N, C-alpha and C. Protein backbone atom coordinates (compact mmCIF):
# COMPACT_ATOMS: atom_id res chain seq x y z
N MET A 1 -45.14 103.19 130.94
CA MET A 1 -45.78 104.36 130.40
C MET A 1 -46.35 104.01 129.04
N LYS A 2 -47.52 104.51 128.77
CA LYS A 2 -48.19 104.26 127.50
C LYS A 2 -47.65 105.17 126.41
N THR A 3 -47.66 104.68 125.18
CA THR A 3 -47.26 105.50 124.04
C THR A 3 -48.41 106.44 123.68
N LYS A 4 -48.12 107.45 122.87
CA LYS A 4 -49.17 108.37 122.43
C LYS A 4 -50.26 107.62 121.67
N GLU A 5 -49.86 106.67 120.84
CA GLU A 5 -50.85 105.91 120.07
C GLU A 5 -51.76 105.10 120.98
N GLU A 6 -51.21 104.48 122.04
CA GLU A 6 -52.04 103.73 122.99
C GLU A 6 -53.00 104.66 123.72
N LEU A 7 -52.53 105.84 124.10
CA LEU A 7 -53.38 106.79 124.81
C LEU A 7 -54.52 107.28 123.92
N LYS A 8 -54.23 107.50 122.64
CA LYS A 8 -55.26 107.99 121.71
C LYS A 8 -56.41 106.98 121.58
N LEU A 9 -56.12 105.71 121.69
CA LEU A 9 -57.15 104.68 121.55
C LEU A 9 -58.22 104.79 122.64
N TYR A 10 -57.86 105.30 123.81
CA TYR A 10 -58.83 105.45 124.90
C TYR A 10 -59.89 106.50 124.58
N PHE A 11 -59.53 107.46 123.70
CA PHE A 11 -60.40 108.62 123.49
C PHE A 11 -60.95 108.69 122.07
N GLU A 12 -61.11 107.57 121.41
CA GLU A 12 -61.71 107.55 120.08
C GLU A 12 -63.21 107.83 120.18
N ASN A 13 -63.79 108.31 119.08
CA ASN A 13 -65.23 108.57 119.05
C ASN A 13 -66.00 107.31 119.43
N GLY A 14 -66.96 107.48 120.33
CA GLY A 14 -67.80 106.36 120.75
C GLY A 14 -67.26 105.61 121.96
N ASP A 15 -65.97 105.78 122.28
CA ASP A 15 -65.40 105.11 123.45
C ASP A 15 -65.81 105.85 124.72
N LYS A 16 -65.79 105.14 125.82
CA LYS A 16 -66.07 105.75 127.12
C LYS A 16 -64.84 105.54 128.00
N PRO A 17 -63.89 106.49 127.92
CA PRO A 17 -62.69 106.34 128.74
C PRO A 17 -63.03 106.35 130.23
N MET A 18 -62.26 105.59 130.99
CA MET A 18 -62.44 105.54 132.43
C MET A 18 -61.46 106.50 133.09
N GLN A 19 -61.67 106.72 134.36
CA GLN A 19 -60.81 107.63 135.13
C GLN A 19 -59.35 107.24 135.01
N GLU A 20 -59.04 105.95 135.05
CA GLU A 20 -57.66 105.48 134.96
C GLU A 20 -57.03 105.87 133.63
N HIS A 21 -57.82 105.85 132.56
CA HIS A 21 -57.30 106.23 131.24
C HIS A 21 -56.91 107.70 131.23
N PHE A 22 -57.75 108.54 131.81
CA PHE A 22 -57.44 109.96 131.87
C PHE A 22 -56.18 110.19 132.70
N TRP A 23 -56.06 109.50 133.83
CA TRP A 23 -54.87 109.65 134.67
C TRP A 23 -53.61 109.21 133.93
N GLU A 24 -53.69 108.10 133.17
CA GLU A 24 -52.53 107.64 132.40
C GLU A 24 -52.11 108.71 131.40
N TRP A 25 -53.11 109.31 130.75
CA TRP A 25 -52.81 110.37 129.78
C TRP A 25 -52.17 111.57 130.48
N LEU A 26 -52.74 111.98 131.59
CA LEU A 26 -52.24 113.14 132.32
C LEU A 26 -50.83 112.90 132.86
N ASP A 27 -50.56 111.70 133.35
CA ASP A 27 -49.24 111.38 133.92
C ASP A 27 -48.17 111.19 132.84
N SER A 28 -48.57 111.16 131.58
CA SER A 28 -47.61 110.97 130.50
C SER A 28 -46.89 112.26 130.09
N TYR A 29 -47.31 113.39 130.65
CA TYR A 29 -46.75 114.68 130.25
C TYR A 29 -46.27 115.45 131.47
N TRP A 30 -45.27 116.32 131.26
CA TRP A 30 -44.83 117.22 132.32
C TRP A 30 -45.70 118.46 132.29
N HIS A 31 -46.14 118.88 133.44
CA HIS A 31 -46.89 120.12 133.55
C HIS A 31 -45.91 121.28 133.52
N LYS A 32 -46.33 122.42 133.02
CA LYS A 32 -45.42 123.57 132.89
C LYS A 32 -44.91 124.05 134.25
N ASP A 33 -45.58 123.72 135.34
CA ASP A 33 -45.12 124.11 136.67
C ASP A 33 -44.12 123.13 137.27
N GLU A 34 -43.96 121.95 136.64
CA GLU A 34 -43.03 120.94 137.16
C GLU A 34 -41.63 121.18 136.62
N LYS A 35 -40.63 121.00 137.46
CA LYS A 35 -39.25 121.10 137.02
C LYS A 35 -38.85 119.78 136.36
N ILE A 36 -38.15 119.88 135.24
CA ILE A 36 -37.66 118.70 134.54
C ILE A 36 -36.20 118.50 134.93
N LEU A 37 -35.91 117.38 135.55
CA LEU A 37 -34.54 117.10 135.97
C LEU A 37 -33.66 116.77 134.76
N GLN A 38 -32.42 117.22 134.81
CA GLN A 38 -31.49 116.94 133.71
C GLN A 38 -31.30 115.45 133.52
N THR A 39 -31.39 114.67 134.60
CA THR A 39 -31.22 113.22 134.50
C THR A 39 -32.39 112.57 133.75
N SER A 40 -33.49 113.29 133.58
CA SER A 40 -34.65 112.76 132.85
C SER A 40 -34.52 112.96 131.35
N LEU A 41 -33.55 113.73 130.91
CA LEU A 41 -33.40 114.05 129.49
C LEU A 41 -32.33 113.19 128.85
N ASP A 42 -32.50 112.91 127.56
CA ASP A 42 -31.50 112.14 126.83
C ASP A 42 -30.25 112.96 126.60
N ALA A 43 -30.41 114.24 126.32
CA ALA A 43 -29.28 115.14 126.08
C ALA A 43 -29.77 116.57 126.29
N ILE A 44 -28.83 117.45 126.57
CA ILE A 44 -29.15 118.85 126.77
C ILE A 44 -28.36 119.65 125.75
N GLU A 45 -29.05 120.51 125.04
CA GLU A 45 -28.43 121.31 123.99
C GLU A 45 -28.66 122.78 124.28
N LYS A 46 -27.61 123.58 124.18
CA LYS A 46 -27.79 125.02 124.34
C LYS A 46 -26.80 125.75 123.44
N VAL A 47 -27.16 126.98 123.09
CA VAL A 47 -26.31 127.80 122.23
C VAL A 47 -25.36 128.60 123.13
N VAL A 48 -24.08 128.56 122.80
CA VAL A 48 -23.06 129.30 123.55
C VAL A 48 -22.52 130.41 122.66
N PRO A 49 -22.67 131.68 123.10
CA PRO A 49 -22.17 132.78 122.26
C PRO A 49 -20.66 132.97 122.44
N PHE A 50 -20.00 133.43 121.39
CA PHE A 50 -18.59 133.82 121.45
C PHE A 50 -18.54 135.34 121.44
N LEU A 51 -18.08 135.93 122.55
CA LEU A 51 -18.03 137.38 122.67
C LEU A 51 -16.58 137.85 122.75
N VAL A 52 -16.27 138.92 122.06
CA VAL A 52 -14.97 139.59 122.15
C VAL A 52 -15.27 141.06 122.39
N ASN A 53 -14.85 141.56 123.57
CA ASN A 53 -15.14 142.96 123.95
C ASN A 53 -16.63 143.28 123.82
N ASN A 54 -17.45 142.38 124.32
CA ASN A 54 -18.92 142.50 124.29
C ASN A 54 -19.52 142.53 122.90
N ASN A 55 -18.77 142.12 121.89
CA ASN A 55 -19.29 142.02 120.52
C ASN A 55 -19.45 140.54 120.17
N LEU A 56 -20.61 140.19 119.68
CA LEU A 56 -20.87 138.81 119.30
C LEU A 56 -20.07 138.45 118.05
N GLN A 57 -19.21 137.45 118.18
CA GLN A 57 -18.38 137.02 117.07
C GLN A 57 -18.93 135.75 116.40
N GLY A 58 -19.80 135.07 117.08
CA GLY A 58 -20.37 133.83 116.56
C GLY A 58 -20.97 133.03 117.70
N SER A 59 -21.36 131.81 117.41
CA SER A 59 -21.94 130.95 118.44
C SER A 59 -21.70 129.49 118.08
N ALA A 60 -21.89 128.64 119.06
CA ALA A 60 -21.74 127.20 118.86
C ALA A 60 -22.81 126.49 119.68
N ILE A 61 -23.06 125.27 119.35
CA ILE A 61 -24.01 124.47 120.11
C ILE A 61 -23.23 123.58 121.06
N GLN A 62 -23.60 123.64 122.33
CA GLN A 62 -23.00 122.78 123.34
C GLN A 62 -23.97 121.65 123.63
N LEU A 63 -23.52 120.43 123.53
CA LEU A 63 -24.35 119.26 123.77
C LEU A 63 -23.82 118.52 124.97
N THR A 64 -24.66 118.32 125.97
CA THR A 64 -24.29 117.59 127.17
C THR A 64 -25.04 116.26 127.15
N VAL A 65 -24.30 115.17 127.20
CA VAL A 65 -24.89 113.84 127.20
C VAL A 65 -24.73 113.25 128.60
N PRO A 66 -25.80 112.78 129.23
CA PRO A 66 -25.71 112.21 130.58
C PRO A 66 -24.73 111.06 130.66
N MET A 67 -24.14 110.88 131.83
CA MET A 67 -23.12 109.85 132.04
C MET A 67 -23.67 108.44 131.84
N ASN A 68 -24.95 108.22 132.12
CA ASN A 68 -25.52 106.87 132.03
C ASN A 68 -25.93 106.49 130.60
N THR A 69 -25.60 107.32 129.61
CA THR A 69 -25.92 107.03 128.22
C THR A 69 -25.05 105.90 127.72
N LYS A 70 -25.67 104.92 127.08
CA LYS A 70 -24.91 103.78 126.55
C LYS A 70 -24.36 104.10 125.17
N LYS A 71 -23.15 103.68 124.92
CA LYS A 71 -22.53 103.87 123.61
C LYS A 71 -22.65 102.58 122.82
N PHE A 72 -22.92 102.72 121.53
CA PHE A 72 -23.05 101.54 120.66
C PHE A 72 -21.95 101.53 119.65
């Protein structure tokens, strides 16, 4: 996969990008209609509320790290 900087070089003023360049750019992003698999993410973060008798007492951040993540 190309980096953002490599993709930008295809579309500089005066350049004539080819169809393959456009496809590389398009394939580098997820479309809003595509589902993103959890296995594709480095980590998943969400806010977890603390409720007591339906009253919000506070919140915490829950971080889920995939099993295939390497530890250093």
